[in-house]
Amino acid sequence: MALPDVTTHQDRLLSLNINEVPRLPTEAPGVTITPLFLDREHGIWVLYGKFEPGTVLPTHFHTGTVHFYTTKGMWTYAEYPGDPQTAGSYLYEPGGSIHTFTVPSDASEAAEGFMVVYGANINFVDGEYHSIMDAGAIEAAIIGAVKMGMMPMPRYIRPKGGAEFSTSPG
C-alpha cells in the first residue's frame, strides 16, 4: 500500500509553549488560564491552569469527560478530601460528575495543571445555577476582552475547517 495523500495541509506544526503564551486572568481570584485549544463545534477545550493557594472554584457539573494532569502543587475536590492531586497525578473525571475544586489556603505553592475537557461545566454557587463554562464561553470572554482593549489577542489553536492558530478577535 502506498503512502496516502495529505488531506489536511499544514504549513507548520500547530504547537504552543505554555512558557511563551500569556496567562489570562479569570473571574475567580487567584486563577489564570492559558488557552491552548478551543473547539466550539465539538465542545472540546484544552487549558493550562494556575490556581493560587486558597482557590475555591464554584461547584460544577461536568456534561462530558475531563482529563487533568497536575504539574505543580496540590489540590483536591472538596467531595474527595482523601484523594489529593499532586504533581505527576493524572485524573480522569467521567461525564455527569460533580466537583468543587480547592487549593488549601496553607499550600506552599500554586497548583498548576493541564486539562482536556469535553462538553461544559455547569457552575453552581450555594446550590444555585451560576454559569456555564465551555469552549465557546471561554473564547467569547477572550474576544470580548480583546475588543475592549484589555489585552492583545492570545495565540491558541482552534479548528476552522481544519485547525489553525487564532489570528484576530473578529
N, C-alpha and C. Protein backbone atom coordinates (compact mmCIF):
# COMPACT_ATOMS: atom_id res chain seq x y z
N MET A 1 0.84 -1.18 0.00
CA MET A 1 0.00 0.00 0.00
C MET A 1 0.89 1.24 0.00
N ALA A 2 0.55 2.20 -0.82
CA ALA A 2 1.32 3.44 -0.92
C ALA A 2 0.92 4.40 0.20
N LEU A 3 1.83 5.30 0.51
CA LEU A 3 1.57 6.33 1.50
C LEU A 3 0.40 7.18 1.00
N PRO A 4 -0.60 7.47 1.84
CA PRO A 4 -1.75 8.26 1.39
C PRO A 4 -1.36 9.71 1.10
N ASP A 5 -2.19 10.38 0.31
CA ASP A 5 -2.01 11.80 0.06
C ASP A 5 -2.37 12.59 1.31
N VAL A 6 -1.72 13.72 1.50
CA VAL A 6 -2.04 14.62 2.60
C VAL A 6 -3.43 15.20 2.35
N THR A 7 -4.33 15.08 3.31
CA THR A 7 -5.68 15.63 3.15
C THR A 7 -5.87 16.93 3.92
N THR A 8 -5.04 17.16 4.91
CA THR A 8 -5.07 18.41 5.66
C THR A 8 -3.66 18.98 5.64
N HIS A 9 -3.47 19.98 4.80
CA HIS A 9 -2.15 20.57 4.66
C HIS A 9 -1.83 21.48 5.84
N GLN A 10 -0.59 21.41 6.31
CA GLN A 10 -0.10 22.30 7.35
C GLN A 10 1.17 22.96 6.86
N ASP A 11 1.24 24.29 6.97
CA ASP A 11 2.47 25.00 6.63
C ASP A 11 3.50 24.82 7.73
N ARG A 12 3.02 24.59 8.96
CA ARG A 12 3.91 24.38 10.11
C ARG A 12 3.13 23.63 11.17
N LEU A 13 3.82 23.13 12.17
CA LEU A 13 3.16 22.43 13.26
C LEU A 13 2.33 23.39 14.09
N LEU A 14 1.18 22.94 14.53
CA LEU A 14 0.35 23.74 15.43
C LEU A 14 0.79 23.39 16.85
N SER A 15 1.71 24.16 17.37
CA SER A 15 2.35 23.88 18.64
C SER A 15 2.45 25.16 19.45
N LEU A 16 2.21 25.05 20.76
CA LEU A 16 2.32 26.18 21.67
C LEU A 16 3.19 25.78 22.86
N ASN A 17 3.87 26.75 23.44
CA ASN A 17 4.66 26.52 24.64
C ASN A 17 4.05 27.37 25.74
N ILE A 18 3.60 26.74 26.83
CA ILE A 18 2.93 27.49 27.90
C ILE A 18 3.83 28.55 28.53
N ASN A 19 5.14 28.43 28.35
CA ASN A 19 6.06 29.42 28.89
C ASN A 19 6.19 30.65 27.98
N GLU A 20 5.61 30.59 26.79
CA GLU A 20 5.71 31.68 25.84
C GLU A 20 4.37 32.34 25.53
N VAL A 21 3.29 31.83 26.12
CA VAL A 21 1.95 32.36 25.88
C VAL A 21 1.46 32.99 27.18
N PRO A 22 0.83 34.16 27.13
CA PRO A 22 0.41 34.80 28.39
C PRO A 22 -0.67 34.00 29.12
N ARG A 23 -0.61 34.10 30.44
CA ARG A 23 -1.67 33.54 31.29
C ARG A 23 -2.75 34.60 31.40
N LEU A 24 -3.98 34.20 31.23
CA LEU A 24 -5.09 35.15 31.25
C LEU A 24 -5.81 35.09 32.59
N PRO A 25 -6.12 36.24 33.17
CA PRO A 25 -6.88 36.24 34.42
C PRO A 25 -8.30 35.76 34.17
N THR A 26 -8.94 35.26 35.22
CA THR A 26 -10.33 34.80 35.14
C THR A 26 -11.16 35.56 36.16
N GLU A 27 -12.45 35.28 36.20
CA GLU A 27 -13.32 35.90 37.21
C GLU A 27 -13.01 35.39 38.61
N ALA A 28 -12.41 34.21 38.71
CA ALA A 28 -12.08 33.63 40.01
C ALA A 28 -10.75 34.21 40.50
N PRO A 29 -10.72 34.84 41.67
CA PRO A 29 -9.47 35.39 42.19
C PRO A 29 -8.39 34.32 42.30
N GLY A 30 -7.17 34.67 41.89
CA GLY A 30 -6.04 33.75 42.02
C GLY A 30 -5.98 32.68 40.96
N VAL A 31 -6.81 32.78 39.92
CA VAL A 31 -6.83 31.75 38.87
C VAL A 31 -6.48 32.39 37.54
N THR A 32 -5.50 31.81 36.86
CA THR A 32 -5.18 32.22 35.49
C THR A 32 -5.22 30.99 34.60
N ILE A 33 -5.53 31.24 33.33
CA ILE A 33 -5.57 30.14 32.37
C ILE A 33 -4.75 30.50 31.15
N THR A 34 -4.24 29.48 30.51
CA THR A 34 -3.61 29.61 29.21
C THR A 34 -4.43 28.75 28.26
N PRO A 35 -5.25 29.37 27.39
CA PRO A 35 -5.99 28.56 26.44
C PRO A 35 -5.04 28.00 25.39
N LEU A 36 -5.14 26.71 25.15
CA LEU A 36 -4.27 26.05 24.17
C LEU A 36 -5.06 25.62 22.94
N PHE A 37 -6.30 25.14 23.15
CA PHE A 37 -7.13 24.63 22.06
C PHE A 37 -8.58 24.87 22.45
N LEU A 38 -9.31 25.57 21.59
CA LEU A 38 -10.73 25.84 21.85
C LEU A 38 -11.52 25.44 20.61
N ASP A 39 -12.36 24.43 20.74
CA ASP A 39 -13.17 23.93 19.63
C ASP A 39 -14.64 24.06 20.01
N ARG A 40 -15.25 25.16 19.60
CA ARG A 40 -16.67 25.41 19.90
C ARG A 40 -17.56 24.32 19.32
N GLU A 41 -17.27 23.91 18.08
CA GLU A 41 -18.12 22.97 17.37
C GLU A 41 -18.23 21.61 18.06
N HIS A 42 -17.12 21.11 18.53
CA HIS A 42 -17.10 19.79 19.16
C HIS A 42 -17.10 19.85 20.68
N GLY A 43 -17.09 21.06 21.24
CA GLY A 43 -17.15 21.21 22.69
C GLY A 43 -15.93 20.69 23.40
N ILE A 44 -14.75 20.93 22.83
CA ILE A 44 -13.50 20.47 23.44
C ILE A 44 -12.66 21.70 23.76
N TRP A 45 -12.15 21.74 24.98
CA TRP A 45 -11.27 22.84 25.38
C TRP A 45 -10.08 22.29 26.14
N VAL A 46 -8.92 22.82 25.80
CA VAL A 46 -7.67 22.41 26.43
C VAL A 46 -7.04 23.66 27.03
N LEU A 47 -6.80 23.61 28.32
CA LEU A 47 -6.25 24.75 29.05
C LEU A 47 -5.09 24.31 29.93
N TYR A 48 -4.22 25.26 30.22
CA TYR A 48 -3.26 25.10 31.30
C TYR A 48 -3.69 26.09 32.36
N GLY A 49 -3.91 25.62 33.58
CA GLY A 49 -4.40 26.49 34.64
C GLY A 49 -3.42 26.63 35.78
N LYS A 50 -3.47 27.79 36.42
CA LYS A 50 -2.70 28.05 37.64
C LYS A 50 -3.68 28.52 38.70
N PHE A 51 -3.62 27.90 39.89
CA PHE A 51 -4.59 28.12 40.95
C PHE A 51 -3.82 28.42 42.25
N GLU A 52 -3.88 29.67 42.68
CA GLU A 52 -3.13 30.09 43.88
C GLU A 52 -3.70 29.45 45.14
N PRO A 53 -2.86 29.37 46.21
CA PRO A 53 -3.37 28.84 47.48
C PRO A 53 -4.63 29.59 47.91
N GLY A 54 -5.60 28.84 48.42
CA GLY A 54 -6.87 29.41 48.86
C GLY A 54 -7.95 29.43 47.78
N THR A 55 -7.62 29.02 46.57
CA THR A 55 -8.61 29.00 45.49
C THR A 55 -9.72 28.00 45.79
N VAL A 56 -10.95 28.44 45.63
CA VAL A 56 -12.12 27.56 45.68
C VAL A 56 -12.98 27.93 44.48
N LEU A 57 -13.10 27.02 43.53
CA LEU A 57 -13.93 27.28 42.36
C LEU A 57 -15.37 26.88 42.64
N PRO A 58 -16.32 27.41 41.88
CA PRO A 58 -17.71 27.00 42.09
C PRO A 58 -17.88 25.49 41.88
N THR A 59 -18.81 24.93 42.62
CA THR A 59 -19.16 23.53 42.40
C THR A 59 -19.65 23.43 40.96
N HIS A 60 -19.21 22.39 40.25
CA HIS A 60 -19.58 22.29 38.84
C HIS A 60 -19.95 20.85 38.46
N PHE A 61 -20.89 20.78 37.54
CA PHE A 61 -21.38 19.53 36.96
C PHE A 61 -20.75 19.39 35.58
N HIS A 62 -20.12 18.25 35.31
CA HIS A 62 -19.48 18.00 34.02
C HIS A 62 -20.46 17.34 33.07
N THR A 63 -20.70 17.97 31.91
CA THR A 63 -21.55 17.33 30.89
C THR A 63 -20.77 16.30 30.09
N GLY A 64 -19.45 16.38 30.12
CA GLY A 64 -18.59 15.43 29.41
C GLY A 64 -17.41 15.07 30.28
N THR A 65 -16.49 14.36 29.70
CA THR A 65 -15.33 13.87 30.44
C THR A 65 -14.23 14.93 30.55
N VAL A 66 -13.35 14.72 31.53
CA VAL A 66 -12.21 15.60 31.75
C VAL A 66 -10.98 14.74 32.02
N HIS A 67 -9.87 15.16 31.44
CA HIS A 67 -8.56 14.58 31.75
C HIS A 67 -7.75 15.72 32.36
N PHE A 68 -7.21 15.54 33.56
CA PHE A 68 -6.46 16.59 34.24
C PHE A 68 -5.13 16.02 34.71
N TYR A 69 -4.05 16.65 34.28
CA TYR A 69 -2.71 16.25 34.69
C TYR A 69 -2.11 17.38 35.52
N THR A 70 -1.81 17.11 36.79
CA THR A 70 -1.26 18.11 37.69
C THR A 70 0.25 18.19 37.50
N THR A 71 0.75 19.39 37.24
CA THR A 71 2.18 19.57 37.00
C THR A 71 2.92 20.16 38.19
N LYS A 72 2.20 20.91 39.04
CA LYS A 72 2.82 21.55 40.22
C LYS A 72 1.80 21.63 41.34
N GLY A 73 2.30 21.66 42.56
CA GLY A 73 1.45 21.92 43.71
C GLY A 73 0.52 20.77 44.06
N MET A 74 -0.56 21.12 44.79
CA MET A 74 -1.52 20.14 45.27
C MET A 74 -2.90 20.77 45.32
N TRP A 75 -3.91 19.99 44.97
CA TRP A 75 -5.29 20.43 45.04
C TRP A 75 -6.17 19.22 45.34
N THR A 76 -7.40 19.48 45.74
CA THR A 76 -8.36 18.40 45.98
C THR A 76 -9.73 18.84 45.49
N TYR A 77 -10.61 17.87 45.41
CA TYR A 77 -12.03 18.18 45.29
C TYR A 77 -12.58 18.10 46.71
N ALA A 78 -13.39 19.08 47.09
CA ALA A 78 -13.96 19.11 48.44
C ALA A 78 -14.71 17.82 48.74
N GLU A 79 -15.29 17.23 47.71
CA GLU A 79 -16.06 15.99 47.88
C GLU A 79 -15.17 14.77 48.09
N TYR A 80 -13.88 14.89 47.81
CA TYR A 80 -12.94 13.76 47.92
C TYR A 80 -11.65 14.21 48.61
N PRO A 81 -11.73 14.65 49.88
CA PRO A 81 -10.55 15.19 50.54
C PRO A 81 -9.42 14.17 50.73
N GLY A 82 -9.74 12.90 50.68
CA GLY A 82 -8.74 11.86 50.85
C GLY A 82 -8.00 11.51 49.57
N ASP A 83 -8.31 12.20 48.48
CA ASP A 83 -7.67 11.93 47.19
C ASP A 83 -6.99 13.18 46.64
N PRO A 84 -5.97 13.69 47.35
CA PRO A 84 -5.29 14.89 46.85
C PRO A 84 -4.58 14.61 45.53
N GLN A 85 -4.58 15.62 44.68
CA GLN A 85 -3.88 15.54 43.40
C GLN A 85 -2.60 16.34 43.53
N THR A 86 -1.47 15.69 43.30
CA THR A 86 -0.16 16.32 43.44
C THR A 86 0.58 16.26 42.11
N ALA A 87 1.70 16.98 42.02
CA ALA A 87 2.49 16.99 40.79
C ALA A 87 2.72 15.57 40.31
N GLY A 88 2.37 15.33 39.06
CA GLY A 88 2.50 13.99 38.47
C GLY A 88 1.21 13.20 38.46
N SER A 89 0.15 13.69 39.13
CA SER A 89 -1.13 12.97 39.18
C SER A 89 -1.91 13.19 37.88
N TYR A 90 -2.48 12.11 37.39
CA TYR A 90 -3.41 12.17 36.25
C TYR A 90 -4.78 11.79 36.78
N LEU A 91 -5.80 12.60 36.47
CA LEU A 91 -7.16 12.36 36.94
C LEU A 91 -8.10 12.27 35.75
N TYR A 92 -8.92 11.24 35.73
CA TYR A 92 -9.99 11.11 34.75
C TYR A 92 -11.30 11.39 35.48
N GLU A 93 -12.11 12.28 34.92
CA GLU A 93 -13.41 12.61 35.51
C GLU A 93 -14.50 12.22 34.52
N PRO A 94 -15.42 11.36 34.91
CA PRO A 94 -16.48 10.97 33.99
C PRO A 94 -17.53 12.06 33.84
N GLY A 95 -18.17 12.10 32.68
CA GLY A 95 -19.30 13.00 32.49
C GLY A 95 -20.37 12.69 33.52
N GLY A 96 -21.08 13.71 33.95
CA GLY A 96 -22.12 13.52 34.96
C GLY A 96 -21.62 13.65 36.38
N SER A 97 -20.34 13.92 36.56
CA SER A 97 -19.79 14.05 37.91
C SER A 97 -19.90 15.50 38.38
N ILE A 98 -19.87 15.67 39.71
CA ILE A 98 -19.96 16.99 40.33
C ILE A 98 -18.78 17.16 41.28
N HIS A 99 -18.11 18.31 41.20
CA HIS A 99 -16.91 18.56 42.00
C HIS A 99 -16.82 20.02 42.41
N THR A 100 -16.03 20.24 43.49
CA THR A 100 -15.67 21.58 43.94
C THR A 100 -14.16 21.62 44.08
N PHE A 101 -13.48 22.28 43.15
CA PHE A 101 -12.02 22.36 43.09
C PHE A 101 -11.51 23.29 44.19
N THR A 102 -10.54 22.81 44.98
CA THR A 102 -9.98 23.63 46.05
C THR A 102 -8.46 23.46 46.14
N VAL A 103 -7.80 24.54 46.47
CA VAL A 103 -6.37 24.51 46.80
C VAL A 103 -6.28 24.97 48.24
N PRO A 104 -5.67 24.18 49.13
CA PRO A 104 -5.59 24.59 50.53
C PRO A 104 -4.98 25.98 50.68
N SER A 105 -5.52 26.76 51.60
CA SER A 105 -5.01 28.12 51.81
C SER A 105 -3.59 28.11 52.36
N ASP A 106 -3.18 27.00 52.99
CA ASP A 106 -1.82 26.91 53.53
C ASP A 106 -0.86 26.19 52.58
N ALA A 107 -1.27 26.00 51.32
CA ALA A 107 -0.39 25.34 50.34
C ALA A 107 0.87 26.17 50.16
N SER A 108 2.00 25.49 49.96
CA SER A 108 3.27 26.19 49.81
C SER A 108 3.48 26.78 48.42
N GLU A 109 2.66 26.37 47.46
CA GLU A 109 2.78 26.90 46.10
C GLU A 109 1.44 26.75 45.39
N ALA A 110 1.31 27.44 44.28
CA ALA A 110 0.10 27.33 43.46
C ALA A 110 0.02 25.93 42.85
N ALA A 111 -1.20 25.47 42.63
CA ALA A 111 -1.40 24.23 41.89
C ALA A 111 -1.49 24.59 40.42
N GLU A 112 -0.89 23.78 39.57
CA GLU A 112 -0.95 24.01 38.14
C GLU A 112 -1.25 22.70 37.44
N GLY A 113 -1.89 22.80 36.29
CA GLY A 113 -2.17 21.59 35.56
C GLY A 113 -2.73 21.84 34.18
N PHE A 114 -2.71 20.78 33.42
CA PHE A 114 -3.12 20.73 32.02
C PHE A 114 -4.42 19.94 31.96
N MET A 115 -5.47 20.51 31.33
CA MET A 115 -6.75 19.82 31.29
C MET A 115 -7.31 19.76 29.87
N VAL A 116 -7.92 18.62 29.57
CA VAL A 116 -8.64 18.41 28.32
C VAL A 116 -10.09 18.16 28.73
N VAL A 117 -11.00 19.05 28.32
CA VAL A 117 -12.39 18.98 28.76
C VAL A 117 -13.30 18.80 27.55
N TYR A 118 -14.22 17.86 27.67
CA TYR A 118 -15.23 17.62 26.65
C TYR A 118 -16.57 18.10 27.20
N GLY A 119 -17.26 18.96 26.47
CA GLY A 119 -18.55 19.46 26.94
C GLY A 119 -18.40 20.72 27.76
N ALA A 120 -19.26 20.85 28.76
CA ALA A 120 -19.31 22.08 29.56
C ALA A 120 -19.26 21.77 31.04
N ASN A 121 -18.84 22.79 31.79
CA ASN A 121 -19.00 22.78 33.24
C ASN A 121 -20.20 23.67 33.54
N ILE A 122 -21.19 23.12 34.22
CA ILE A 122 -22.33 23.90 34.67
C ILE A 122 -22.00 24.28 36.11
N ASN A 123 -21.81 25.59 36.36
CA ASN A 123 -21.34 26.07 37.66
C ASN A 123 -22.50 26.47 38.56
N PHE A 124 -22.35 26.14 39.85
CA PHE A 124 -23.35 26.45 40.87
C PHE A 124 -22.68 27.16 42.04
N VAL A 125 -23.36 28.15 42.60
CA VAL A 125 -22.90 28.84 43.81
C VAL A 125 -24.03 28.73 44.83
N ASP A 126 -23.70 28.21 46.01
CA ASP A 126 -24.69 27.98 47.06
C ASP A 126 -25.86 27.15 46.55
N GLY A 127 -25.55 26.15 45.71
CA GLY A 127 -26.58 25.23 45.21
C GLY A 127 -27.45 25.77 44.10
N GLU A 128 -27.19 27.01 43.65
CA GLU A 128 -27.99 27.63 42.60
C GLU A 128 -27.15 27.82 41.34
N TYR A 129 -27.81 27.67 40.19
CA TYR A 129 -27.13 27.86 38.91
C TYR A 129 -26.43 29.22 38.87
N HIS A 130 -25.18 29.21 38.37
CA HIS A 130 -24.40 30.44 38.25
C HIS A 130 -24.02 30.73 36.80
N SER A 131 -23.44 29.73 36.10
CA SER A 131 -22.93 29.98 34.76
C SER A 131 -22.55 28.67 34.08
N ILE A 132 -22.26 28.79 32.80
CA ILE A 132 -21.75 27.66 32.02
C ILE A 132 -20.38 28.04 31.49
N MET A 133 -19.44 27.14 31.60
CA MET A 133 -18.12 27.34 31.01
C MET A 133 -17.87 26.24 30.00
N ASP A 134 -17.65 26.63 28.77
CA ASP A 134 -17.29 25.68 27.72
C ASP A 134 -16.37 26.40 26.75
N ALA A 135 -15.99 25.73 25.68
CA ALA A 135 -15.05 26.32 24.72
C ALA A 135 -15.58 27.64 24.18
N GLY A 136 -16.86 27.70 23.86
CA GLY A 136 -17.45 28.92 23.33
C GLY A 136 -17.45 30.06 24.32
N ALA A 137 -17.79 29.78 25.57
CA ALA A 137 -17.81 30.81 26.61
C ALA A 137 -16.40 31.35 26.87
N ILE A 138 -15.42 30.47 26.87
CA ILE A 138 -14.04 30.90 27.09
C ILE A 138 -13.59 31.79 25.93
N GLU A 139 -13.86 31.35 24.71
CA GLU A 139 -13.46 32.15 23.55
C GLU A 139 -14.20 33.49 23.51
N ALA A 140 -15.48 33.49 23.83
CA ALA A 140 -16.25 34.74 23.84
C ALA A 140 -15.67 35.72 24.87
N ALA A 141 -15.27 35.23 26.05
CA ALA A 141 -14.68 36.10 27.07
C ALA A 141 -13.35 36.66 26.59
N ILE A 142 -12.55 35.84 25.94
CA ILE A 142 -11.26 36.31 25.41
C ILE A 142 -11.49 37.39 24.36
N ILE A 143 -12.36 37.12 23.40
CA ILE A 143 -12.62 38.07 22.32
C ILE A 143 -13.21 39.37 22.86
N GLY A 144 -14.10 39.26 23.85
CA GLY A 144 -14.66 40.45 24.48
C GLY A 144 -13.58 41.31 25.11
N ALA A 145 -12.65 40.68 25.83
CA ALA A 145 -11.56 41.42 26.47
C ALA A 145 -10.65 42.07 25.43
N VAL A 146 -10.41 41.38 24.33
CA VAL A 146 -9.58 41.93 23.25
C VAL A 146 -10.26 43.14 22.64
N LYS A 147 -11.55 43.02 22.34
CA LYS A 147 -12.29 44.13 21.72
C LYS A 147 -12.38 45.34 22.63
N MET A 148 -12.36 45.14 23.95
CA MET A 148 -12.40 46.25 24.89
C MET A 148 -11.00 46.82 25.15
N GLY A 149 -9.99 46.26 24.49
CA GLY A 149 -8.63 46.76 24.63
C GLY A 149 -7.95 46.34 25.91
N MET A 150 -8.48 45.32 26.58
CA MET A 150 -7.91 44.87 27.85
C MET A 150 -6.67 44.01 27.66
N MET A 151 -6.50 43.46 26.45
CA MET A 151 -5.36 42.57 26.19
C MET A 151 -5.23 42.35 24.69
N PRO A 152 -4.04 41.95 24.25
CA PRO A 152 -3.89 41.58 22.85
C PRO A 152 -4.49 40.19 22.62
N MET A 153 -4.78 39.86 21.39
CA MET A 153 -5.32 38.55 21.06
C MET A 153 -4.30 37.48 21.39
N PRO A 154 -4.64 36.55 22.30
CA PRO A 154 -3.70 35.48 22.63
C PRO A 154 -3.66 34.45 21.50
N ARG A 155 -2.60 33.73 21.43
CA ARG A 155 -2.44 32.68 20.43
C ARG A 155 -2.90 31.36 21.03
N TYR A 156 -3.85 30.72 20.38
CA TYR A 156 -4.29 29.37 20.75
C TYR A 156 -4.73 28.69 19.47
N ILE A 157 -4.93 27.41 19.53
CA ILE A 157 -5.32 26.65 18.35
C ILE A 157 -6.83 26.48 18.35
N ARG A 158 -7.44 26.69 17.17
CA ARG A 158 -8.89 26.50 17.04
C ARG A 158 -9.19 25.93 15.67
N PRO A 159 -10.06 24.92 15.63
CA PRO A 159 -10.46 24.37 14.34
C PRO A 159 -11.31 25.37 13.55
N LYS A 160 -11.16 25.33 12.25
CA LYS A 160 -11.95 26.19 11.37
C LYS A 160 -11.84 25.57 9.98
N GLY A 161 -12.58 24.48 9.77
CA GLY A 161 -12.45 23.77 8.51
C GLY A 161 -11.06 23.16 8.39
N GLY A 162 -10.48 22.78 9.49
CA GLY A 162 -9.09 22.36 9.63
C GLY A 162 -8.46 23.28 10.65
N ALA A 163 -7.65 22.78 11.51
CA ALA A 163 -7.11 23.57 12.62
C ALA A 163 -6.18 24.66 12.15
N GLU A 164 -6.18 25.77 12.91
CA GLU A 164 -5.31 26.90 12.64
C GLU A 164 -5.08 27.67 13.92
N PHE A 165 -4.11 28.59 13.91
CA PHE A 165 -3.90 29.46 15.05
C PHE A 165 -4.93 30.57 15.05
N SER A 166 -5.28 31.06 16.22
CA SER A 166 -6.14 32.24 16.30
C SER A 166 -5.37 33.41 15.70
N THR A 167 -6.09 34.37 15.08
CA THR A 167 -5.40 35.49 14.46
C THR A 167 -5.98 36.84 14.87
N SER A 168 -7.27 36.90 15.06
CA SER A 168 -7.87 38.18 15.42
C SER A 168 -9.17 37.92 16.17
N PRO A 169 -9.68 38.92 16.87
CA PRO A 169 -10.90 38.72 17.64
C PRO A 169 -12.16 38.71 16.78
N GLY A 170 -12.09 39.08 15.52
CA GLY A 170 -13.28 39.21 14.70
C GLY A 170 -13.52 38.00 13.90
